[in-house]
Amino acid sequence: MTDTGDRSPAGRLSAFLATDPRDVGCAGAMEVLHVYVDYVAAGADTARFAGVVAHLRACGPCSDEFDGLLAAVSQDPWPDGPGSAP
């Protein structure tokens, strides 16, 4: 969703209906989401993923998927060291 700053009902509807031309869509985002997550987790430059960023701003389900993947790769699988694995 493109945020124009207009919080009136008409402005919010207009922002909701606006499509960022860079948006790669669900299929395009899902195709590279794992790579984008790795870039974000590593703190690398994500400028090459502008279409994915645009899509994640507009799509709740894809954004939720991104959040889950990022949380998964950001967690320490063995907080007490590798010897603590079950």
PDB file of N, CA and C in Angstrom:
ATOM      1  N   MET A   1       0.838  -1.164   0.000  1.00  0.00           N
ATOM      2  CA  MET A   1       0.000   0.000   0.000  1.00  0.00           C
ATOM      3  C   MET A   1       0.885   1.231   0.000  1.00  0.00           C
ATOM      4  N   THR A   2       0.628   2.155  -0.848  1.00  0.00           N
ATOM      5  CA  THR A   2       1.371   3.393  -0.905  1.00  0.00           C
ATOM      6  C   THR A   2       0.751   4.365   0.081  1.00  0.00           C
ATOM      7  N   ASP A   3       1.534   4.881   1.013  1.00  0.00           N
ATOM      8  CA  ASP A   3       1.025   5.787   2.027  1.00  0.00           C
ATOM      9  C   ASP A   3       1.218   7.216   1.556  1.00  0.00           C
ATOM     10  N   THR A   4       0.109   7.906   1.315  1.00  0.00           N
ATOM     11  CA  THR A   4       0.177   9.287   0.858  1.00  0.00           C
ATOM     12  C   THR A   4       0.088  10.259   2.021  1.00  0.00           C
ATOM     13  N   GLY A   5      -0.174   9.767   3.237  1.00  0.00           N
ATOM     14  CA  GLY A   5      -0.303  10.630   4.389  1.00  0.00           C
ATOM     15  C   GLY A   5      -1.725  11.107   4.616  1.00  0.00           C
ATOM     16  N   ASP A   6      -2.596  10.979   3.636  1.00  0.00           N
ATOM     17  CA  ASP A   6      -3.994  11.386   3.750  1.00  0.00           C
ATOM     18  C   ASP A   6      -4.751  10.313   4.519  1.00  0.00           C
ATOM     19  N   ARG A   7      -5.222  10.638   5.715  1.00  0.00           N
ATOM     20  CA  ARG A   7      -5.898   9.663   6.566  1.00  0.00           C
ATOM     21  C   ARG A   7      -7.421   9.712   6.437  1.00  0.00           C
ATOM     22  N   SER A   8      -7.950  10.524   5.530  1.00  0.00           N
ATOM     23  CA  SER A   8      -9.396  10.542   5.313  1.00  0.00           C
ATOM     24  C   SER A   8      -9.809   9.212   4.697  1.00  0.00           C
ATOM     25  N   PRO A   9     -11.090   8.841   4.799  1.00  0.00           N
ATOM     26  CA  PRO A   9     -11.526   7.585   4.178  1.00  0.00           C
ATOM     27  C   PRO A   9     -11.178   7.510   2.687  1.00  0.00           C
ATOM     28  N   ALA A  10     -11.366   8.604   1.975  1.00  0.00           N
ATOM     29  CA  ALA A  10     -11.048   8.601   0.543  1.00  0.00           C
ATOM     30  C   ALA A  10      -9.545   8.450   0.322  1.00  0.00           C
ATOM     31  N   GLY A  11      -8.751   9.111   1.139  1.00  0.00           N
ATOM     32  CA  GLY A  11      -7.301   9.010   1.014  1.00  0.00           C
ATOM     33  C   GLY A  11      -6.793   7.623   1.349  1.00  0.00           C
ATOM     34  N   ARG A  12      -7.383   7.014   2.368  1.00  0.00           N
ATOM     35  CA  ARG A  12      -6.980   5.656   2.742  1.00  0.00           C
ATOM     36  C   ARG A  12      -7.370   4.663   1.662  1.00  0.00           C
ATOM     37  N   LEU A  13      -8.552   4.841   1.064  1.00  0.00           N
ATOM     38  CA  LEU A  13      -8.976   3.962  -0.020  1.00  0.00           C
ATOM     39  C   LEU A  13      -8.056   4.130  -1.227  1.00  0.00           C
ATOM     40  N   SER A  14      -7.717   5.356  -1.534  1.00  0.00           N
ATOM     41  CA  SER A  14      -6.825   5.614  -2.662  1.00  0.00           C
ATOM     42  C   SER A  14      -5.465   4.957  -2.440  1.00  0.00           C
ATOM     43  N   ALA A  15      -4.931   5.058  -1.224  1.00  0.00           N
ATOM     44  CA  ALA A  15      -3.644   4.426  -0.917  1.00  0.00           C
ATOM     45  C   ALA A  15      -3.747   2.913  -1.013  1.00  0.00           C
ATOM     46  N   PHE A  16      -4.871   2.368  -0.567  1.00  0.00           N
ATOM     47  CA  PHE A  16      -5.075   0.923  -0.621  1.00  0.00           C
ATOM     48  C   PHE A  16      -5.117   0.428  -2.067  1.00  0.00           C
ATOM     49  N   LEU A  17      -5.764   1.188  -2.926  1.00  0.00           N
ATOM     50  CA  LEU A  17      -5.931   0.777  -4.319  1.00  0.00           C
ATOM     51  C   LEU A  17      -4.699   1.060  -5.181  1.00  0.00           C
ATOM     52  N   ALA A  18      -3.816   1.915  -4.703  1.00  0.00           N
ATOM     53  CA  ALA A  18      -2.613   2.247  -5.473  1.00  0.00           C
ATOM     54  C   ALA A  18      -1.672   1.050  -5.503  1.00  0.00           C
ATOM     55  N   THR A  19      -1.084   0.817  -6.636  1.00  0.00           N
ATOM     56  CA  THR A  19      -0.129  -0.273  -6.787  1.00  0.00           C
ATOM     57  C   THR A  19       1.231   0.311  -7.118  1.00  0.00           C
ATOM     58  N   ASP A  20       2.218  -0.082  -6.352  1.00  0.00           N
ATOM     59  CA  ASP A  20       3.583   0.362  -6.621  1.00  0.00           C
ATOM     60  C   ASP A  20       4.057  -0.371  -7.873  1.00  0.00           C
ATOM     61  N   PRO A  21       4.495   0.330  -8.898  1.00  0.00           N
ATOM     62  CA  PRO A  21       4.920  -0.337 -10.135  1.00  0.00           C
ATOM     63  C   PRO A  21       6.109  -1.274  -9.940  1.00  0.00           C
ATOM     64  N   ARG A  22       6.829  -1.117  -8.840  1.00  0.00           N
ATOM     65  CA  ARG A  22       7.960  -2.014  -8.571  1.00  0.00           C
ATOM     66  C   ARG A  22       7.515  -3.341  -7.954  1.00  0.00           C
ATOM     67  N   ASP A  23       6.267  -3.423  -7.483  1.00  0.00           N
ATOM     68  CA  ASP A  23       5.750  -4.615  -6.796  1.00  0.00           C
ATOM     69  C   ASP A  23       5.866  -5.840  -7.698  1.00  0.00           C
ATOM     70  N   VAL A  24       6.570  -6.874  -7.219  1.00  0.00           N
ATOM     71  CA  VAL A  24       6.799  -8.081  -8.017  1.00  0.00           C
ATOM     72  C   VAL A  24       5.679  -9.104  -7.874  1.00  0.00           C
ATOM     73  N   GLY A  25       4.712  -8.853  -7.010  1.00  0.00           N
ATOM     74  CA  GLY A  25       3.610  -9.788  -6.811  1.00  0.00           C
ATOM     75  C   GLY A  25       4.006 -10.922  -5.877  1.00  0.00           C
ATOM     76  N   CYS A  26       3.003 -11.693  -5.472  1.00  0.00           N
ATOM     77  CA  CYS A  26       3.234 -12.791  -4.524  1.00  0.00           C
ATOM     78  C   CYS A  26       4.208 -13.831  -5.073  1.00  0.00           C
ATOM     79  N   ALA A  27       3.999 -14.256  -6.303  1.00  0.00           N
ATOM     80  CA  ALA A  27       4.857 -15.303  -6.877  1.00  0.00           C
ATOM     81  C   ALA A  27       6.304 -14.833  -6.977  1.00  0.00           C
ATOM     82  N   GLY A  28       6.496 -13.614  -7.433  1.00  0.00           N
ATOM     83  CA  GLY A  28       7.848 -13.076  -7.548  1.00  0.00           C
ATOM     84  C   GLY A  28       8.522 -12.907  -6.196  1.00  0.00           C
ATOM     85  N   ALA A  29       7.759 -12.467  -5.210  1.00  0.00           N
ATOM     86  CA  ALA A  29       8.321 -12.297  -3.869  1.00  0.00           C
ATOM     87  C   ALA A  29       8.686 -13.644  -3.258  1.00  0.00           C
ATOM     88  N   MET A  30       7.799 -14.616  -3.385  1.00  0.00           N
ATOM     89  CA  MET A  30       8.060 -15.929  -2.795  1.00  0.00           C
ATOM     90  C   MET A  30       9.253 -16.628  -3.454  1.00  0.00           C
ATOM     91  N   GLU A  31       9.469 -16.328  -4.713  1.00  0.00           N
ATOM     92  CA  GLU A  31      10.573 -16.955  -5.450  1.00  0.00           C
ATOM     93  C   GLU A  31      11.940 -16.577  -4.876  1.00  0.00           C
ATOM     94  N   VAL A  32      12.049 -15.353  -4.360  1.00  0.00           N
ATOM     95  CA  VAL A  32      13.348 -14.894  -3.849  1.00  0.00           C
ATOM     96  C   VAL A  32      13.318 -14.533  -2.366  1.00  0.00           C
ATOM     97  N   LEU A  33      12.222 -14.827  -1.689  1.00  0.00           N
ATOM     98  CA  LEU A  33      12.085 -14.401  -0.298  1.00  0.00           C
ATOM     99  C   LEU A  33      13.187 -14.960   0.594  1.00  0.00           C
ATOM    100  N   HIS A  34      13.564 -16.203   0.381  1.00  0.00           N
ATOM    101  CA  HIS A  34      14.615 -16.803   1.215  1.00  0.00           C
ATOM    102  C   HIS A  34      15.949 -16.068   1.047  1.00  0.00           C
ATOM    103  N   VAL A  35      16.217 -15.603  -0.158  1.00  0.00           N
ATOM    104  CA  VAL A  35      17.453 -14.856  -0.409  1.00  0.00           C
ATOM    105  C   VAL A  35      17.363 -13.482   0.250  1.00  0.00           C
ATOM    106  N   TYR A  36      16.212 -12.823   0.093  1.00  0.00           N
ATOM    107  CA  TYR A  36      16.005 -11.510   0.705  1.00  0.00           C
ATOM    108  C   TYR A  36      16.147 -11.598   2.224  1.00  0.00           C
ATOM    109  N   VAL A  37      15.581 -12.634   2.829  1.00  0.00           N
ATOM    110  CA  VAL A  37      15.689 -12.824   4.278  1.00  0.00           C
ATOM    111  C   VAL A  37      17.155 -12.947   4.688  1.00  0.00           C
ATOM    112  N   ASP A  38      17.928 -13.710   3.940  1.00  0.00           N
ATOM    113  CA  ASP A  38      19.351 -13.856   4.254  1.00  0.00           C
ATOM    114  C   ASP A  38      20.080 -12.516   4.172  1.00  0.00           C
ATOM    115  N   TYR A  39      19.757 -11.707   3.167  1.00  0.00           N
ATOM    116  CA  TYR A  39      20.370 -10.387   3.033  1.00  0.00           C
ATOM    117  C   TYR A  39      20.013  -9.510   4.226  1.00  0.00           C
ATOM    118  N   VAL A  40      18.730  -9.490   4.592  1.00  0.00           N
ATOM    119  CA  VAL A  40      18.288  -8.671   5.721  1.00  0.00           C
ATOM    120  C   VAL A  40      18.958  -9.137   7.010  1.00  0.00           C
ATOM    121  N   ALA A  41      18.974 -10.437   7.243  1.00  0.00           N
ATOM    122  CA  ALA A  41      19.568 -10.985   8.466  1.00  0.00           C
ATOM    123  C   ALA A  41      21.058 -10.671   8.559  1.00  0.00           C
ATOM    124  N   ALA A  42      21.730 -10.618   7.424  1.00  0.00           N
ATOM    125  CA  ALA A  42      23.169 -10.339   7.399  1.00  0.00           C
ATOM    126  C   ALA A  42      23.477  -8.843   7.432  1.00  0.00           C
ATOM    127  N   GLY A  43      22.441  -8.013   7.314  1.00  0.00           N
ATOM    128  CA  GLY A  43      22.653  -6.574   7.282  1.00  0.00           C
ATOM    129  C   GLY A  43      23.221  -6.083   5.965  1.00  0.00           C
ATOM    130  N   ALA A  44      23.070  -6.888   4.917  1.00  0.00           N
ATOM    131  CA  ALA A  44      23.600  -6.540   3.593  1.00  0.00           C
ATOM    132  C   ALA A  44      22.685  -5.530   2.895  1.00  0.00           C
ATOM    133  N   ASP A  45      23.218  -4.904   1.862  1.00  0.00           N
ATOM    134  CA  ASP A  45      22.459  -3.943   1.064  1.00  0.00           C
ATOM    135  C   ASP A  45      21.336  -4.666   0.327  1.00  0.00           C
ATOM    136  N   THR A  46      20.102  -4.239   0.561  1.00  0.00           N
ATOM    137  CA  THR A  46      18.940  -4.898  -0.045  1.00  0.00           C
ATOM    138  C   THR A  46      18.327  -4.080  -1.181  1.00  0.00           C
ATOM    139  N   ALA A  47      19.054  -3.085  -1.688  1.00  0.00           N
ATOM    140  CA  ALA A  47      18.525  -2.217  -2.745  1.00  0.00           C
ATOM    141  C   ALA A  47      18.094  -3.000  -3.978  1.00  0.00           C
ATOM    142  N   ARG A  48      18.742  -4.112  -4.251  1.00  0.00           N
ATOM    143  CA  ARG A  48      18.395  -4.899  -5.437  1.00  0.00           C
ATOM    144  C   ARG A  48      17.028  -5.569  -5.311  1.00  0.00           C
ATOM    145  N   PHE A  49      16.441  -5.538  -4.116  1.00  0.00           N
ATOM    146  CA  PHE A  49      15.154  -6.186  -3.873  1.00  0.00           C
ATOM    147  C   PHE A  49      14.010  -5.181  -3.736  1.00  0.00           C
ATOM    148  N   ALA A  50      14.086  -4.057  -4.440  1.00  0.00           N
ATOM    149  CA  ALA A  50      13.066  -3.014  -4.322  1.00  0.00           C
ATOM    150  C   ALA A  50      11.669  -3.544  -4.625  1.00  0.00           C
ATOM    151  N   GLY A  51      11.543  -4.440  -5.583  1.00  0.00           N
ATOM    152  CA  GLY A  51      10.239  -5.010  -5.922  1.00  0.00           C
ATOM    153  C   GLY A  51       9.679  -5.881  -4.821  1.00  0.00           C
ATOM    154  N   VAL A  52      10.562  -6.588  -4.124  1.00  0.00           N
ATOM    155  CA  VAL A  52      10.133  -7.420  -2.997  1.00  0.00           C
ATOM    156  C   VAL A  52       9.696  -6.525  -1.844  1.00  0.00           C
ATOM    157  N   VAL A  53      10.483  -5.486  -1.559  1.00  0.00           N
ATOM    158  CA  VAL A  53      10.134  -4.550  -0.492  1.00  0.00           C
ATOM    159  C   VAL A  53       8.776  -3.916  -0.774  1.00  0.00           C
ATOM    160  N   ALA A  54       8.561  -3.478  -2.006  1.00  0.00           N
ATOM    161  CA  ALA A  54       7.277  -2.881  -2.381  1.00  0.00           C
ATOM    162  C   ALA A  54       6.142  -3.868  -2.161  1.00  0.00           C
ATOM    163  N   HIS A  55       6.363  -5.114  -2.507  1.00  0.00           N
ATOM    164  CA  HIS A  55       5.318  -6.115  -2.335  1.00  0.00           C
ATOM    165  C   HIS A  55       5.047  -6.393  -0.861  1.00  0.00           C
ATOM    166  N   LEU A  56       6.091  -6.511  -0.065  1.00  0.00           N
ATOM    167  CA  LEU A  56       5.899  -6.802   1.359  1.00  0.00           C
ATOM    168  C   LEU A  56       5.160  -5.680   2.069  1.00  0.00           C
ATOM    169  N   ARG A  57       5.309  -4.456   1.599  1.00  0.00           N
ATOM    170  CA  ARG A  57       4.562  -3.328   2.172  1.00  0.00           C
ATOM    171  C   ARG A  57       3.071  -3.445   1.880  1.00  0.00           C
ATOM    172  N   ALA A  58       2.729  -4.074   0.778  1.00  0.00           N
ATOM    173  CA  ALA A  58       1.334  -4.130   0.334  1.00  0.00           C
ATOM    174  C   ALA A  58       0.624  -5.428   0.667  1.00  0.00           C
ATOM    175  N   CYS A  59       1.356  -6.495   0.936  1.00  0.00           N
ATOM    176  CA  CYS A  59       0.743  -7.820   1.075  1.00  0.00           C
ATOM    177  C   CYS A  59       0.968  -8.382   2.477  1.00  0.00           C
ATOM    178  N   GLY A  60      -0.091  -8.426   3.258  1.00  0.00           N
ATOM    179  CA  GLY A  60      -0.003  -8.941   4.619  1.00  0.00           C
ATOM    180  C   GLY A  60       0.483 -10.375   4.709  1.00  0.00           C
ATOM    181  N   PRO A  61      -0.088 -11.306   3.933  1.00  0.00           N
ATOM    182  CA  PRO A  61       0.363 -12.699   4.028  1.00  0.00           C
ATOM    183  C   PRO A  61       1.842 -12.884   3.673  1.00  0.00           C
ATOM    184  N   CYS A  62       2.315 -12.218   2.641  1.00  0.00           N
ATOM    185  CA  CYS A  62       3.732 -12.341   2.274  1.00  0.00           C
ATOM    186  C   CYS A  62       4.616 -11.677   3.330  1.00  0.00           C
ATOM    187  N   SER A  63       4.153 -10.563   3.881  1.00  0.00           N
ATOM    188  CA  SER A  63       4.892  -9.894   4.942  1.00  0.00           C
ATOM    189  C   SER A  63       4.988 -10.784   6.181  1.00  0.00           C
ATOM    190  N   ASP A  64       3.900 -11.490   6.496  1.00  0.00           N
ATOM    191  CA  ASP A  64       3.919 -12.434   7.622  1.00  0.00           C
ATOM    192  C   ASP A  64       4.920 -13.555   7.371  1.00  0.00           C
ATOM    193  N   GLU A  65       4.967 -14.039   6.142  1.00  0.00           N
ATOM    194  CA  GLU A  65       5.923 -15.091   5.779  1.00  0.00           C
ATOM    195  C   GLU A  65       7.357 -14.583   5.958  1.00  0.00           C
ATOM    196  N   PHE A  66       7.604 -13.366   5.504  1.00  0.00           N
ATOM    197  CA  PHE A  66       8.925 -12.758   5.683  1.00  0.00           C
ATOM    198  C   PHE A  66       9.280 -12.659   7.163  1.00  0.00           C
ATOM    199  N   ASP A  67       8.343 -12.158   7.973  1.00  0.00           N
ATOM    200  CA  ASP A  67       8.598 -12.013   9.407  1.00  0.00           C
ATOM    201  C   ASP A  67       8.945 -13.354  10.049  1.00  0.00           C
ATOM    202  N   GLY A  68       8.216 -14.403   9.670  1.00  0.00           N
ATOM    203  CA  GLY A  68       8.473 -15.730  10.221  1.00  0.00           C
ATOM    204  C   GLY A  68       9.827 -16.274   9.817  1.00  0.00           C
ATOM    205  N   LEU A  69      10.168 -16.115   8.546  1.00  0.00           N
ATOM    206  CA  LEU A  69      11.475 -16.586   8.076  1.00  0.00           C
ATOM    207  C   LEU A  69      12.615 -15.814   8.734  1.00  0.00           C
ATOM    208  N   LEU A  70      12.437 -14.509   8.850  1.00  0.00           N
ATOM    209  CA  LEU A  70      13.483 -13.699   9.473  1.00  0.00           C
ATOM    210  C   LEU A  70      13.660 -14.095  10.937  1.00  0.00           C
ATOM    211  N   ALA A  71      12.565 -14.324  11.629  1.00  0.00           N
ATOM    212  CA  ALA A  71      12.660 -14.764  13.027  1.00  0.00           C
ATOM    213  C   ALA A  71      13.365 -16.110  13.119  1.00  0.00           C
ATOM    214  N   ALA A  72      13.063 -16.998  12.192  1.00  0.00           N
ATOM    215  CA  ALA A  72      13.668 -18.336  12.220  1.00  0.00           C
ATOM    216  C   ALA A  72      15.179 -18.284  12.006  1.00  0.00           C
ATOM    217  N   VAL A  73      15.637 -17.453  11.082  1.00  0.00           N
ATOM    218  CA  VAL A  73      17.079 -17.398  10.822  1.00  0.00           C
ATOM    219  C   VAL A  73      17.811 -16.525  11.832  1.00  0.00           C
ATOM    220  N   SER A  74      17.077 -15.719  12.573  1.00  0.00           N
ATOM    221  CA  SER A  74      17.701 -14.823  13.545  1.00  0.00           C
ATOM    222  C   SER A  74      17.854 -15.457  14.915  1.00  0.00           C
ATOM    223  N   GLN A  75      17.170 -16.562  15.158  1.00  0.00           N
ATOM    224  CA  GLN A  75      17.240 -17.214  16.464  1.00  0.00           C
ATOM    225  C   GLN A  75      18.462 -18.108  16.549  1.00  0.00           C
ATOM    226  N   ASP A  76      19.041 -18.151  17.722  1.00  0.00           N
ATOM    227  CA  ASP A  76      20.162 -19.049  17.976  1.00  0.00           C
ATOM    228  C   ASP A  76      19.579 -20.433  18.241  1.00  0.00           C
ATOM    229  N   PRO A  77      19.852 -21.413  17.381  1.00  0.00           N
ATOM    230  CA  PRO A  77      19.240 -22.732  17.559  1.00  0.00           C
ATOM    231  C   PRO A  77      19.711 -23.438  18.826  1.00  0.00           C
ATOM    232  N   TRP A  78      20.888 -23.062  19.314  1.00  0.00           N
ATOM    233  CA  TRP A  78      21.431 -23.680  20.535  1.00  0.00           C
ATOM    234  C   TRP A  78      21.883 -22.574  21.477  1.00  0.00           C
ATOM    235  N   PRO A  79      20.965 -21.979  22.215  1.00  0.00           N
ATOM    236  CA  PRO A  79      21.351 -20.853  23.069  1.00  0.00           C
ATOM    237  C   PRO A  79      22.419 -21.214  24.101  1.00  0.00           C
ATOM    238  N   ASP A  80      22.513 -22.492  24.459  1.00  0.00           N
ATOM    239  CA  ASP A  80      23.514 -22.923  25.436  1.00  0.00           C
ATOM    240  C   ASP A  80      24.707 -23.600  24.771  1.00  0.00           C
ATOM    241  N   GLY A  81      24.851 -23.427  23.460  1.00  0.00           N
ATOM    242  CA  GLY A  81      25.953 -24.038  22.724  1.00  0.00           C
ATOM    243  C   GLY A  81      25.509 -25.284  21.995  1.00  0.00           C
ATOM    244  N   PRO A  82      26.272 -25.737  20.992  1.00  0.00           N
ATOM    245  CA  PRO A  82      25.887 -26.893  20.178  1.00  0.00           C
ATOM    246  C   PRO A  82      25.686 -28.169  20.982  1.00  0.00           C
ATOM    247  N   GLY A  83      26.352 -28.309  22.104  1.00  0.00           N
ATOM    248  CA  GLY A  83      26.196 -29.516  22.912  1.00  0.00           C
ATOM    249  C   GLY A  83      24.857 -29.608  23.615  1.00  0.00           C
ATOM    250  N   SER A  84      24.068 -28.519  23.580  1.00  0.00           N
ATOM    251  CA  SER A  84      22.776 -28.524  24.266  1.00  0.00           C
ATOM    252  C   SER A  84      21.638 -28.999  23.378  1.00  0.00           C
ATOM    253  N   ALA A  85      21.949 -29.369  22.138  1.00  0.00           N
ATOM    254  CA  ALA A  85      20.899 -29.839  21.221  1.00  0.00           C
ATOM    255  C   ALA A  85      20.287 -31.122  21.768  1.00  0.00           C
ATOM    256  N   PRO A  86      18.971 -31.263  21.606  1.00  0.00           N
ATOM    257  CA  PRO A  86      18.300 -32.473  22.116  1.00  0.00           C
ATOM    258  C   PRO A  86      18.760 -33.733  21.425  1.00  0.00           C
TER     259      PRO A  86
END
